[in-house]
Amino acid sequence: MAGMTLGARATGIANIASDGTVLDTWYPSPTLVTGEEELSSLVDGTHRVSARELSDRFLNLVGMDRDRLVELVPVRTTISDLSQPPLDTHDVYLRLHLLSHRLVRPLELNLTDCLTHLVPVVWTNKGPCLPDNFEFIRVNLRARGQIHVYGIERLPRMVDYVVPSGVSIAEAERVRLGAYLAPGTSVLREGYVSWNSGSLGPARIEGRLSSAVTIGEGTELGVSSTLIARHGEGRNRTPLRVGSGCRLHPSAGVIGVELGDRCEIGVNVMLEPDTAVADSRSGNVVPASEIAGHGDISITYEPHSPCPVVRPR
C-alpha cells in the first residue's frame, strides 16, 4: 500500500453526550477506497444518516439512552486520503477500526495528533459515559444491574469493537482499539498492545508494545519485556520497527532502537540510542544507535563486560 492513495468510508453508531461531546463511534464494516475516480468523488467529513438508509438491525441501535444521557446516532464518515491527519473524533475512530480490522497496517496511515481529538471517557459495561457527571449517571444505571467500570481514558478495548480472526487475547483490557494483530498472534496475560502498533505476522506477545511499534513474523516478547517508540512532537511517537524471528527475553527493553531480523535481546538488557554496547564484531564500544537495524545479532550481559555485548547470532 506504500505510495498508493487510500481513502475510507463507513457507516457507524456514535455515542454523543448531552453536551455534544462525541464519546466514540463504532464502525462494524469499514471499507477502503482505492480507485482514482472513486477517490476524487469523496468528500471528507461525517454526517448523520437518515433512518430510511439504515437496516433494521441498525435501527434497533439508535435513539436516546436517558440513563447515560447519551444519544446513539447513525453516522457516515468519509476520508479521502489516509495520508492526511484526522479531522475529528469520528475520523480517528474510523482509522483505528481500519487497523484492528487489518485493512491497513500500523504506520501506513496518518494518525498525527489523533489523541487531541479524543476525550477521557468512562468505559462501562453499559456503554461509554462522560466522567464529569458519572456519579449521577451511576445511580440511573444501577437500575439496569451491576455497573462495571473498565477504565477512564481516551481509547477503549479493541474487543468491544473488533474481534479479529485467528488471534488469542488472554486479557481484553490489554489490547487497545487500533491494535493490529496478524492471524496466529497470541497476546498472553501480561502482554499489552497499544493503538497503531502490533504484529505483522504470527507472534507471541507477553511484553508491552507502545503505540507506533511493529514486530515481524515469529517474534517473541518475553514477560515484562518492553518495546517503546520514542516521543516526538506533542503526543506523537517516532515509529519503531522490529524484524521477524526476534526474541526479547524477560525484562528486556528496547526504546527507540530498531532491530533487524533474528535479533535476540537478553534478560534485563535495556537499550536506548545512547546505551553503550560492546560490539564483538569490531572490538569497539559503540552507542546502540550504531547497530540499529542490524540483523542476526544477540545482545546480552556477559560476566567480563560492564555493558551489553553484541555478538553474531
C-alpha atoms as a PDB file:
ATOM      1  CA  MET A   1       0.000   0.000   0.000  1.00  0.00           C
ATOM      2  CA  ALA A   2       3.005   2.294   0.357  1.00  0.00           C
ATOM      3  CA  GLY A   3       2.869   5.187  -2.111  1.00  0.00           C
ATOM      4  CA  MET A   4      -0.719   4.426  -3.014  1.00  0.00           C
ATOM      5  CA  THR A   5      -3.504   6.901  -2.197  1.00  0.00           C
ATOM      6  CA  LEU A   6      -6.094   5.292   0.029  1.00  0.00           C
ATOM      7  CA  GLY A   7      -9.443   6.562   1.220  1.00  0.00           C
ATOM      8  CA  ALA A   8     -12.002   5.007   3.524  1.00  0.00           C
ATOM      9  CA  ARG A   9     -15.671   5.197   4.380  1.00  0.00           C
ATOM     10  CA  ALA A  10     -18.033   3.532   6.813  1.00  0.00           C
ATOM     11  CA  THR A  11     -21.421   3.772   8.450  1.00  0.00           C
ATOM     12  CA  GLY A  12     -21.473   3.524  12.211  1.00  0.00           C
ATOM     13  CA  ILE A  13     -23.119   4.377  15.513  1.00  0.00           C
ATOM     14  CA  ALA A  14     -21.763   7.289  17.558  1.00  0.00           C
ATOM     15  CA  ASN A  15     -22.354   7.839  21.274  1.00  0.00           C
ATOM     16  CA  ILE A  16     -22.868  11.590  21.665  1.00  0.00           C
ATOM     17  CA  ALA A  17     -23.260  13.079  25.156  1.00  0.00           C
ATOM     18  CA  SER A  18     -25.894  15.677  26.017  1.00  0.00           C
ATOM     19  CA  ASP A  19     -23.308  18.461  25.755  1.00  0.00           C
ATOM     20  CA  GLY A  20     -22.405  17.403  22.205  1.00  0.00           C
ATOM     21  CA  THR A  21     -19.197  15.539  23.086  1.00  0.00           C
ATOM     22  CA  VAL A  22     -18.544  12.545  20.823  1.00  0.00           C
ATOM     23  CA  LEU A  23     -17.581   9.700  23.141  1.00  0.00           C
ATOM     24  CA  ASP A  24     -16.919   7.050  20.490  1.00  0.00           C
ATOM     25  CA  THR A  25     -18.028   5.741  17.101  1.00  0.00           C
ATOM     26  CA  TRP A  26     -18.387   2.075  16.178  1.00  0.00           C
ATOM     27  CA  TYR A  27     -17.936   1.102  12.522  1.00  0.00           C
ATOM     28  CA  PRO A  28     -18.793  -2.598  12.063  1.00  0.00           C
ATOM     29  CA  SER A  29     -17.867  -2.820   8.361  1.00  0.00           C
ATOM     30  CA  PRO A  30     -15.346  -0.158   7.269  1.00  0.00           C
ATOM     31  CA  THR A  31     -14.083  -0.248   3.687  1.00  0.00           C
ATOM     32  CA  LEU A  32     -11.087   1.117   1.810  1.00  0.00           C
ATOM     33  CA  VAL A  33     -11.433   3.192  -1.356  1.00  0.00           C
ATOM     34  CA  THR A  34      -8.616   2.888  -3.918  1.00  0.00           C
ATOM     35  CA  GLY A  35      -9.883   3.777  -7.408  1.00  0.00           C
ATOM     36  CA  GLU A  36      -8.833   7.222  -8.652  1.00  0.00           C
ATOM     37  CA  GLU A  37     -12.295   8.096  -9.942  1.00  0.00           C
ATOM     38  CA  GLU A  38     -13.955   6.979  -6.721  1.00  0.00           C
ATOM     39  CA  LEU A  39     -11.372   8.781  -4.572  1.00  0.00           C
ATOM     40  CA  SER A  40     -11.912  12.044  -6.458  1.00  0.00           C
ATOM     41  CA  SER A  41     -15.610  11.941  -5.579  1.00  0.00           C
ATOM     42  CA  LEU A  42     -15.059  11.549  -1.815  1.00  0.00           C
ATOM     43  CA  VAL A  43     -15.796  14.477   0.471  1.00  0.00           C
ATOM     44  CA  ASP A  44     -14.112  14.389   3.880  1.00  0.00           C
ATOM     45  CA  GLY A  45     -16.333  14.536   6.928  1.00  0.00           C
ATOM     46  CA  THR A  46     -19.112  12.909   8.910  1.00  0.00           C
ATOM     47  CA  HIS A  47     -22.849  13.403   8.634  1.00  0.00           C
ATOM     48  CA  ARG A  48     -25.922  11.847  10.167  1.00  0.00           C
ATOM     49  CA  VAL A  49     -27.623   9.053   8.269  1.00  0.00           C
ATOM     50  CA  SER A  50     -31.393   9.128   7.844  1.00  0.00           C
ATOM     51  CA  ALA A  51     -33.439   6.235   9.207  1.00  0.00           C
ATOM     52  CA  ARG A  52     -34.561   5.093   5.756  1.00  0.00           C
ATOM     53  CA  GLU A  53     -30.926   4.420   4.812  1.00  0.00           C
ATOM     54  CA  LEU A  54     -30.402   2.007   7.697  1.00  0.00           C
ATOM     55  CA  SER A  55     -31.032  -1.706   8.010  1.00  0.00           C
ATOM     56  CA  ASP A  56     -33.463  -2.929  10.661  1.00  0.00           C
ATOM     57  CA  ARG A  57     -30.514  -4.149  12.756  1.00  0.00           C
ATOM     58  CA  PHE A  58     -29.005  -0.662  12.825  1.00  0.00           C
ATOM     59  CA  LEU A  59     -32.343   0.985  13.517  1.00  0.00           C
ATOM     60  CA  ASN A  60     -32.622  -1.049  16.705  1.00  0.00           C
ATOM     61  CA  LEU A  61     -29.420   0.565  17.994  1.00  0.00           C
ATOM     62  CA  VAL A  62     -30.209   4.258  17.540  1.00  0.00           C
ATOM     63  CA  GLY A  63     -32.049   6.544  19.915  1.00  0.00           C
ATOM     64  CA  MET A  64     -31.660   8.213  23.309  1.00  0.00           C
ATOM     65  CA  ASP A  65     -30.142   6.395  26.276  1.00  0.00           C
ATOM     66  CA  ARG A  66     -31.659   8.525  29.017  1.00  0.00           C
ATOM     67  CA  ASP A  67     -29.849   6.686  31.793  1.00  0.00           C
ATOM     68  CA  ARG A  68     -26.452   7.581  30.330  1.00  0.00           C
ATOM     69  CA  LEU A  69     -27.629  10.972  28.976  1.00  0.00           C
ATOM     70  CA  VAL A  70     -26.224   9.880  25.624  1.00  0.00           C
ATOM     71  CA  GLU A  71     -27.753   9.756  22.139  1.00  0.00           C
ATOM     72  CA  LEU A  72     -26.836   6.911  19.804  1.00  0.00           C
ATOM     73  CA  VAL A  73     -26.613   8.498  16.370  1.00  0.00           C
ATOM     74  CA  PRO A  74     -26.134   6.780  12.985  1.00  0.00           C
ATOM     75  CA  VAL A  75     -23.325   8.465  11.059  1.00  0.00           C
ATOM     76  CA  ARG A  76     -21.401   8.030   7.826  1.00  0.00           C
ATOM     77  CA  THR A  77     -17.739   9.029   7.788  1.00  0.00           C
ATOM     78  CA  THR A  78     -15.600   9.553   4.696  1.00  0.00           C
ATOM     79  CA  ILE A  79     -11.826  10.030   4.448  1.00  0.00           C
ATOM     80  CA  SER A  80     -10.483  10.902   1.004  1.00  0.00           C
ATOM     81  CA  ASP A  81      -6.784  10.459   1.844  1.00  0.00           C
ATOM     82  CA  LEU A  82      -5.497   8.421   4.784  1.00  0.00           C
ATOM     83  CA  SER A  83      -2.076  10.048   4.453  1.00  0.00           C
ATOM     84  CA  GLN A  84      -3.570  13.317   5.760  1.00  0.00           C
ATOM     85  CA  PRO A  85      -4.097  13.932   9.513  1.00  0.00           C
ATOM     86  CA  PRO A  86      -7.502  13.077  11.038  1.00  0.00           C
ATOM     87  CA  LEU A  87     -10.111  15.819  11.253  1.00  0.00           C
ATOM     88  CA  ASP A  88     -12.205  14.882  14.282  1.00  0.00           C
ATOM     89  CA  THR A  89     -13.262  12.089  16.648  1.00  0.00           C
ATOM     90  CA  HIS A  90     -15.262  10.164  14.033  1.00  0.00           C
ATOM     91  CA  ASP A  91     -12.287  10.304  11.659  1.00  0.00           C
ATOM     92  CA  VAL A  92      -9.918   8.961  14.344  1.00  0.00           C
ATOM     93  CA  TYR A  93     -12.249   6.093  15.222  1.00  0.00           C
ATOM     94  CA  LEU A  94     -12.571   5.059  11.591  1.00  0.00           C
ATOM     95  CA  ARG A  95      -8.773   4.916  11.253  1.00  0.00           C
ATOM     96  CA  LEU A  96      -8.497   2.852  14.442  1.00  0.00           C
ATOM     97  CA  HIS A  97     -11.125   0.437  13.111  1.00  0.00           C
ATOM     98  CA  LEU A  98      -9.236   0.086   9.827  1.00  0.00           C
ATOM     99  CA  LEU A  99      -6.177  -1.024  11.814  1.00  0.00           C
ATOM    100  CA  SER A 100      -7.960  -3.510  14.044  1.00  0.00           C
ATOM    101  CA  HIS A 101      -9.895  -4.926  11.071  1.00  0.00           C
ATOM    102  CA  ARG A 102      -6.465  -5.419   9.417  1.00  0.00           C
ATOM    103  CA  LEU A 103      -7.427  -3.344   6.384  1.00  0.00           C
ATOM    104  CA  VAL A 104      -4.271  -1.241   6.822  1.00  0.00           C
ATOM    105  CA  ARG A 105      -1.077  -1.891   8.757  1.00  0.00           C
ATOM    106  CA  PRO A 106       0.329   0.244  11.569  1.00  0.00           C
ATOM    107  CA  LEU A 107       2.412   3.217  10.431  1.00  0.00           C
ATOM    108  CA  GLU A 108       0.787   3.107   6.959  1.00  0.00           C
ATOM    109  CA  LEU A 109      -1.797   5.805   7.707  1.00  0.00           C
ATOM    110  CA  ASN A 110      -1.572   9.223   9.282  1.00  0.00           C
ATOM    111  CA  LEU A 111      -2.551   9.401  12.960  1.00  0.00           C
ATOM    112  CA  THR A 112      -0.770  12.648  13.785  1.00  0.00           C
ATOM    113  CA  ASP A 113      -2.230  14.320  16.886  1.00  0.00           C
ATOM    114  CA  CYS A 114      -5.116  11.857  16.897  1.00  0.00           C
ATOM    115  CA  LEU A 115      -5.344  11.810  20.707  1.00  0.00           C
ATOM    116  CA  THR A 116      -6.102  15.538  20.709  1.00  0.00           C
ATOM    117  CA  HIS A 117      -9.435  14.708  19.056  1.00  0.00           C
ATOM    118  CA  LEU A 118     -10.411  12.278  21.826  1.00  0.00           C
ATOM    119  CA  VAL A 119     -11.602  12.985  25.367  1.00  0.00           C
ATOM    120  CA  PRO A 120     -11.300  10.892  28.546  1.00  0.00           C
ATOM    121  CA  VAL A 121     -14.302   8.558  28.720  1.00  0.00           C
ATOM    122  CA  VAL A 122     -15.700   6.316  31.450  1.00  0.00           C
ATOM    123  CA  TRP A 123     -15.866   2.909  29.738  1.00  0.00           C
ATOM    124  CA  THR A 124     -18.556   0.730  31.318  1.00  0.00           C
ATOM    125  CA  ASN A 125     -20.445  -2.462  30.542  1.00  0.00           C
ATOM    126  CA  LYS A 126     -23.477  -0.246  29.811  1.00  0.00           C
ATOM    127  CA  GLY A 127     -21.632   1.931  27.307  1.00  0.00           C
ATOM    128  CA  PRO A 128     -19.340   4.984  27.358  1.00  0.00           C
ATOM    129  CA  CYS A 129     -20.150   7.902  29.666  1.00  0.00           C
ATOM    130  CA  LEU A 130     -18.835  11.371  30.440  1.00  0.00           C
ATOM    131  CA  PRO A 131     -16.621  11.466  33.562  1.00  0.00           C
ATOM    132  CA  ASP A 132     -17.957  14.788  34.872  1.00  0.00           C
ATOM    133  CA  ASN A 133     -21.477  13.565  35.613  1.00  0.00           C
ATOM    134  CA  PHE A 134     -20.777   9.869  36.044  1.00  0.00           C
ATOM    135  CA  GLU A 135     -21.754   9.595  39.724  1.00  0.00           C
ATOM    136  CA  PHE A 136     -25.204  10.944  38.788  1.00  0.00           C
ATOM    137  CA  ILE A 137     -25.363   8.518  35.848  1.00  0.00           C
ATOM    138  CA  ARG A 138     -24.239   5.603  38.007  1.00  0.00           C
ATOM    139  CA  VAL A 139     -27.455   5.868  40.034  1.00  0.00           C
ATOM    140  CA  ASN A 140     -29.522   5.709  36.831  1.00  0.00           C
ATOM    141  CA  LEU A 141     -27.610   2.703  35.543  1.00  0.00           C
ATOM    142  CA  ARG A 142     -27.856   0.717  38.793  1.00  0.00           C
ATOM    143  CA  ALA A 143     -31.478   0.030  37.881  1.00  0.00           C
ATOM    144  CA  ARG A 144     -30.135  -1.983  34.910  1.00  0.00           C
ATOM    145  CA  GLY A 145     -27.899  -4.191  37.042  1.00  0.00           C
ATOM    146  CA  GLN A 146     -24.349  -4.122  38.357  1.00  0.00           C
ATOM    147  CA  ILE A 147     -22.119  -1.458  36.800  1.00  0.00           C
ATOM    148  CA  HIS A 148     -18.565  -2.363  35.823  1.00  0.00           C
ATOM    149  CA  VAL A 149     -16.156   0.454  35.029  1.00  0.00           C
ATOM    150  CA  TYR A 150     -13.320  -0.825  32.834  1.00  0.00           C
ATOM    151  CA  GLY A 151     -11.322   2.380  32.863  1.00  0.00           C
ATOM    152  CA  ILE A 152     -11.234   6.138  32.350  1.00  0.00           C
ATOM    153  CA  GLU A 153      -9.119   7.001  29.320  1.00  0.00           C
ATOM    154  CA  ARG A 154      -9.262   8.161  25.725  1.00  0.00           C
ATOM    155  CA  LEU A 155      -9.106   4.776  23.989  1.00  0.00           C
ATOM    156  CA  PRO A 156     -11.278   1.705  24.611  1.00  0.00           C
ATOM    157  CA  ARG A 157     -10.566  -2.014  24.497  1.00  0.00           C
ATOM    158  CA  MET A 158     -10.290  -3.409  20.986  1.00  0.00           C
ATOM    159  CA  VAL A 159     -12.532  -6.424  21.529  1.00  0.00           C
ATOM    160  CA  ASP A 160     -15.522  -4.216  22.371  1.00  0.00           C
ATOM    161  CA  TYR A 161     -15.400  -3.009  18.740  1.00  0.00           C
ATOM    162  CA  VAL A 162     -13.453  -5.575  16.703  1.00  0.00           C
ATOM    163  CA  VAL A 163     -12.673  -9.267  17.230  1.00  0.00           C
ATOM    164  CA  PRO A 164     -10.119 -10.234  14.558  1.00  0.00           C
ATOM    165  CA  SER A 165      -9.968 -13.849  13.441  1.00  0.00           C
ATOM    166  CA  GLY A 166      -7.153 -16.233  14.303  1.00  0.00           C
ATOM    167  CA  VAL A 167      -5.785 -14.487  17.397  1.00  0.00           C
ATOM    168  CA  SER A 168      -5.644 -15.203  21.120  1.00  0.00           C
ATOM    169  CA  ILE A 169      -6.025 -12.443  23.739  1.00  0.00           C
ATOM    170  CA  ALA A 170      -5.846 -13.512  27.377  1.00  0.00           C
ATOM    171  CA  GLU A 171      -6.841 -10.125  28.869  1.00  0.00           C
ATOM    172  CA  ALA A 172      -9.158  -7.864  26.865  1.00  0.00           C
ATOM    173  CA  GLU A 173      -8.052  -4.814  28.855  1.00  0.00           C
ATOM    174  CA  ARG A 174      -4.533  -5.073  27.482  1.00  0.00           C
ATOM    175  CA  VAL A 175      -5.250  -4.541  23.777  1.00  0.00           C
ATOM    176  CA  ARG A 176      -6.411  -1.075  22.661  1.00  0.00           C
ATOM    177  CA  LEU A 177      -8.641  -0.285  19.706  1.00  0.00           C
ATOM    178  CA  GLY A 178      -6.284   0.443  16.822  1.00  0.00           C
ATOM    179  CA  ALA A 179      -4.024  -2.522  17.562  1.00  0.00           C
ATOM    180  CA  TYR A 180      -3.152  -4.704  14.554  1.00  0.00           C
ATOM    181  CA  LEU A 181      -2.854  -8.412  15.366  1.00  0.00           C
ATOM    182  CA  ALA A 182      -1.930 -10.719  12.494  1.00  0.00           C
ATOM    183  CA  PRO A 183      -3.529 -14.188  12.394  1.00  0.00           C
ATOM    184  CA  GLY A 184      -1.626 -16.592  14.623  1.00  0.00           C
ATOM    185  CA  THR A 185      -0.722 -13.921  17.192  1.00  0.00           C
ATOM    186  CA  SER A 186      -1.129 -14.633  20.910  1.00  0.00           C
ATOM    187  CA  VAL A 187      -1.271 -11.833  23.463  1.00  0.00           C
ATOM    188  CA  LEU A 188      -0.658 -13.516  26.795  1.00  0.00           C
ATOM    189  CA  ARG A 189      -1.941 -12.361  30.151  1.00  0.00           C
ATOM    190  CA  GLU A 190       0.899  -9.896  30.795  1.00  0.00           C
ATOM    191  CA  GLY A 191       1.097  -8.705  27.183  1.00  0.00           C
ATOM    192  CA  TYR A 192      -0.055  -5.271  26.057  1.00  0.00           C
ATOM    193  CA  VAL A 193      -0.584  -3.811  22.570  1.00  0.00           C
ATOM    194  CA  SER A 194      -1.333  -0.124  22.092  1.00  0.00           C
ATOM    195  CA  TRP A 195      -3.007   1.636  19.149  1.00  0.00           C
ATOM    196  CA  ASN A 196      -1.193   1.948  15.805  1.00  0.00           C
ATOM    197  CA  SER A 197       1.083  -0.942  16.781  1.00  0.00           C
ATOM    198  CA  GLY A 198       1.097  -4.710  16.568  1.00  0.00           C
ATOM    199  CA  SER A 199       2.323  -7.851  14.848  1.00  0.00           C
ATOM    200  CA  LEU A 200       2.751  -8.155  11.074  1.00  0.00           C
ATOM    201  CA  GLY A 201       2.805 -11.965  11.266  1.00  0.00           C
ATOM    202  CA  PRO A 202       2.205 -14.701  13.869  1.00  0.00           C
ATOM    203  CA  ALA A 203       3.864 -13.615  17.107  1.00  0.00           C
ATOM    204  CA  ARG A 204       3.876 -14.300  20.844  1.00  0.00           C
ATOM    205  CA  ILE A 205       3.426 -11.188  22.974  1.00  0.00           C
ATOM    206  CA  GLU A 206       3.943 -11.361  26.724  1.00  0.00           C
ATOM    207  CA  GLY A 207       5.566  -7.927  26.882  1.00  0.00           C
ATOM    208  CA  ARG A 208       4.464  -4.390  26.027  1.00  0.00           C
ATOM    209  CA  LEU A 209       4.225  -2.615  22.691  1.00  0.00           C
ATOM    210  CA  SER A 210       3.776   1.153  22.821  1.00  0.00           C
ATOM    211  CA  SER A 211       1.990   2.956  20.004  1.00  0.00           C
ATOM    212  CA  ALA A 212       3.926   3.218  16.705  1.00  0.00           C
ATOM    213  CA  VAL A 213       5.714  -0.130  17.203  1.00  0.00           C
ATOM    214  CA  THR A 214       5.547  -3.109  14.839  1.00  0.00           C
ATOM    215  CA  ILE A 215       7.068  -6.584  15.166  1.00  0.00           C
ATOM    216  CA  GLY A 216       7.596  -9.121  12.410  1.00  0.00           C
ATOM    217  CA  GLU A 217       6.551 -12.718  11.963  1.00  0.00           C
ATOM    218  CA  GLY A 218       7.795 -15.188  14.563  1.00  0.00           C
ATOM    219  CA  THR A 219       8.939 -12.543  17.051  1.00  0.00           C
ATOM    220  CA  GLU A 220       8.536 -13.380  20.751  1.00  0.00           C
ATOM    221  CA  LEU A 221       8.316 -10.856  23.584  1.00  0.00           C
ATOM    222  CA  GLY A 222       9.018 -12.384  26.985  1.00  0.00           C
ATOM    223  CA  VAL A 223       7.242 -11.439  30.187  1.00  0.00           C
ATOM    224  CA  SER A 224       7.918  -7.856  31.327  1.00  0.00           C
ATOM    225  CA  SER A 225       9.798  -7.025  28.127  1.00  0.00           C
ATOM    226  CA  THR A 226       9.130  -3.653  26.510  1.00  0.00           C
ATOM    227  CA  LEU A 227       9.245  -2.073  23.070  1.00  0.00           C
ATOM    228  CA  ILE A 228       8.783   1.695  23.198  1.00  0.00           C
ATOM    229  CA  ALA A 229       8.783   4.201  20.354  1.00  0.00           C
ATOM    230  CA  ARG A 230      10.362   7.470  21.421  1.00  0.00           C
ATOM    231  CA  HIS A 231       8.193  10.551  21.889  1.00  0.00           C
ATOM    232  CA  GLY A 232       8.148  13.056  19.057  1.00  0.00           C
ATOM    233  CA  GLU A 233       6.282  16.347  18.940  1.00  0.00           C
ATOM    234  CA  GLY A 234       3.158  16.578  21.071  1.00  0.00           C
ATOM    235  CA  ARG A 235       1.582  13.182  21.755  1.00  0.00           C
ATOM    236  CA  ASN A 236       3.142  11.603  18.666  1.00  0.00           C
ATOM    237  CA  ARG A 237       5.842   8.927  18.612  1.00  0.00           C
ATOM    238  CA  THR A 238       8.669   8.166  16.212  1.00  0.00           C
ATOM    239  CA  PRO A 239       7.968   4.769  14.551  1.00  0.00           C
ATOM    240  CA  LEU A 240       9.909   1.749  15.812  1.00  0.00           C
ATOM    241  CA  ARG A 241      10.186  -1.441  13.755  1.00  0.00           C
ATOM    242  CA  VAL A 242      11.405  -4.831  14.963  1.00  0.00           C
ATOM    243  CA  GLY A 243      12.046  -7.534  12.373  1.00  0.00           C
ATOM    244  CA  SER A 244      10.992 -11.156  12.033  1.00  0.00           C
ATOM    245  CA  GLY A 245      12.196 -14.014  14.231  1.00  0.00           C
ATOM    246  CA  CYS A 246      13.383 -11.744  17.052  1.00  0.00           C
ATOM    247  CA  ARG A 247      13.266 -12.617  20.725  1.00  0.00           C
ATOM    248  CA  LEU A 248      13.198 -10.364  23.762  1.00  0.00           C
ATOM    249  CA  HIS A 249      13.900 -12.289  26.949  1.00  0.00           C
ATOM    250  CA  PRO A 250      12.124 -11.434  30.234  1.00  0.00           C
ATOM    251  CA  SER A 251      12.556  -7.824  31.403  1.00  0.00           C
ATOM    252  CA  ALA A 252      14.441  -6.823  28.248  1.00  0.00           C
ATOM    253  CA  GLY A 253      13.632  -3.426  26.777  1.00  0.00           C
ATOM    254  CA  VAL A 254      14.233  -1.515  23.568  1.00  0.00           C
ATOM    255  CA  ILE A 255      13.475   2.205  23.398  1.00  0.00           C
ATOM    256  CA  GLY A 256      13.889   3.920  20.063  1.00  0.00           C
ATOM    257  CA  VAL A 257      16.362   1.403  18.561  1.00  0.00           C
ATOM    258  CA  GLU A 258      15.132  -0.533  15.527  1.00  0.00           C
ATOM    259  CA  LEU A 259      16.069  -4.208  15.190  1.00  0.00           C
ATOM    260  CA  GLY A 260      16.558  -6.248  12.034  1.00  0.00           C
ATOM    261  CA  ASP A 261      15.543  -9.880  11.600  1.00  0.00           C
ATOM    262  CA  ARG A 262      16.520 -12.663  14.020  1.00  0.00           C
ATOM    263  CA  CYS A 263      17.805 -10.485  16.856  1.00  0.00           C
ATOM    264  CA  GLU A 264      17.924 -11.636  20.477  1.00  0.00           C
ATOM    265  CA  ILE A 265      17.929  -9.297  23.478  1.00  0.00           C
ATOM    266  CA  GLY A 266      18.997 -10.907  26.750  1.00  0.00           C
ATOM    267  CA  VAL A 267      17.436 -10.823  30.188  1.00  0.00           C
ATOM    268  CA  ASN A 268      17.380  -7.336  31.753  1.00  0.00           C
ATOM    269  CA  VAL A 269      19.138  -5.697  28.792  1.00  0.00           C
ATOM    270  CA  MET A 270      17.724  -2.212  28.235  1.00  0.00           C
ATOM    271  CA  LEU A 271      18.681  -0.453  25.013  1.00  0.00           C
ATOM    272  CA  GLU A 272      18.303   3.224  24.185  1.00  0.00           C
ATOM    273  CA  PRO A 273      20.039   5.021  21.309  1.00  0.00           C
ATOM    274  CA  ASP A 274      22.856   6.255  23.591  1.00  0.00           C
ATOM    275  CA  THR A 275      23.291   2.993  25.525  1.00  0.00           C
ATOM    276  CA  ALA A 276      26.910   1.802  25.305  1.00  0.00           C
ATOM    277  CA  VAL A 277      27.297  -1.722  23.887  1.00  0.00           C
ATOM    278  CA  ALA A 278      30.441  -3.752  23.254  1.00  0.00           C
ATOM    279  CA  ASP A 279      30.380  -4.861  19.621  1.00  0.00           C
ATOM    280  CA  SER A 280      32.406  -8.101  19.455  1.00  0.00           C
ATOM    281  CA  ARG A 281      32.492  -7.863  15.667  1.00  0.00           C
ATOM    282  CA  SER A 282      34.591  -4.697  15.678  1.00  0.00           C
ATOM    283  CA  GLY A 283      36.012  -4.808  19.186  1.00  0.00           C
ATOM    284  CA  ASN A 284      34.668  -1.319  19.894  1.00  0.00           C
ATOM    285  CA  VAL A 285      32.247   0.094  22.443  1.00  0.00           C
ATOM    286  CA  VAL A 286      29.600   1.991  20.488  1.00  0.00           C
ATOM    287  CA  PRO A 287      26.192   3.570  21.163  1.00  0.00           C
ATOM    288  CA  ALA A 288      23.257   1.290  20.422  1.00  0.00           C
ATOM    289  CA  SER A 289      22.148   3.715  17.696  1.00  0.00           C
ATOM    290  CA  GLU A 290      25.078   2.448  15.574  1.00  0.00           C
ATOM    291  CA  ILE A 291      23.701  -1.102  15.494  1.00  0.00           C
ATOM    292  CA  ALA A 292      20.089  -0.039  14.871  1.00  0.00           C
ATOM    293  CA  GLY A 293      18.551  -2.113  12.087  1.00  0.00           C
ATOM    294  CA  HIS A 294      21.230  -4.826  12.217  1.00  0.00           C
ATOM    295  CA  GLY A 295      20.022  -8.421  11.938  1.00  0.00           C
ATOM    296  CA  ASP A 296      21.266 -11.809  13.177  1.00  0.00           C
ATOM    297  CA  ILE A 297      22.763 -10.472  16.407  1.00  0.00           C
ATOM    298  CA  SER A 298      22.373 -11.171  20.103  1.00  0.00           C
ATOM    299  CA  ILE A 299      22.825  -8.559  22.821  1.00  0.00           C
ATOM    300  CA  THR A 300      23.360  -9.947  26.311  1.00  0.00           C
ATOM    301  CA  TYR A 301      25.138  -9.211  29.560  1.00  0.00           C
ATOM    302  CA  GLU A 302      28.366 -11.184  29.985  1.00  0.00           C
ATOM    303  CA  PRO A 303      30.455 -11.555  33.177  1.00  0.00           C
ATOM    304  CA  HIS A 304      33.557  -9.806  31.823  1.00  0.00           C
ATOM    305  CA  SER A 305      31.799  -6.767  30.346  1.00  0.00           C
ATOM    306  CA  PRO A 306      30.315  -3.753  32.157  1.00  0.00           C
ATOM    307  CA  CYS A 307      27.931  -3.140  29.233  1.00  0.00           C
ATOM    308  CA  PRO A 308      25.825  -5.391  26.999  1.00  0.00           C
ATOM    309  CA  VAL A 309      27.770  -7.393  24.419  1.00  0.00           C
ATOM    310  CA  VAL A 310      26.770  -7.652  20.747  1.00  0.00           C
ATOM    311  CA  ARG A 311      27.613 -10.964  19.070  1.00  0.00           C
ATOM    312  CA  PRO A 312      26.615 -12.589  15.790  1.00  0.00           C
ATOM    313  CA  ARG A 313      23.684 -14.890  16.275  1.00  0.00           C
END
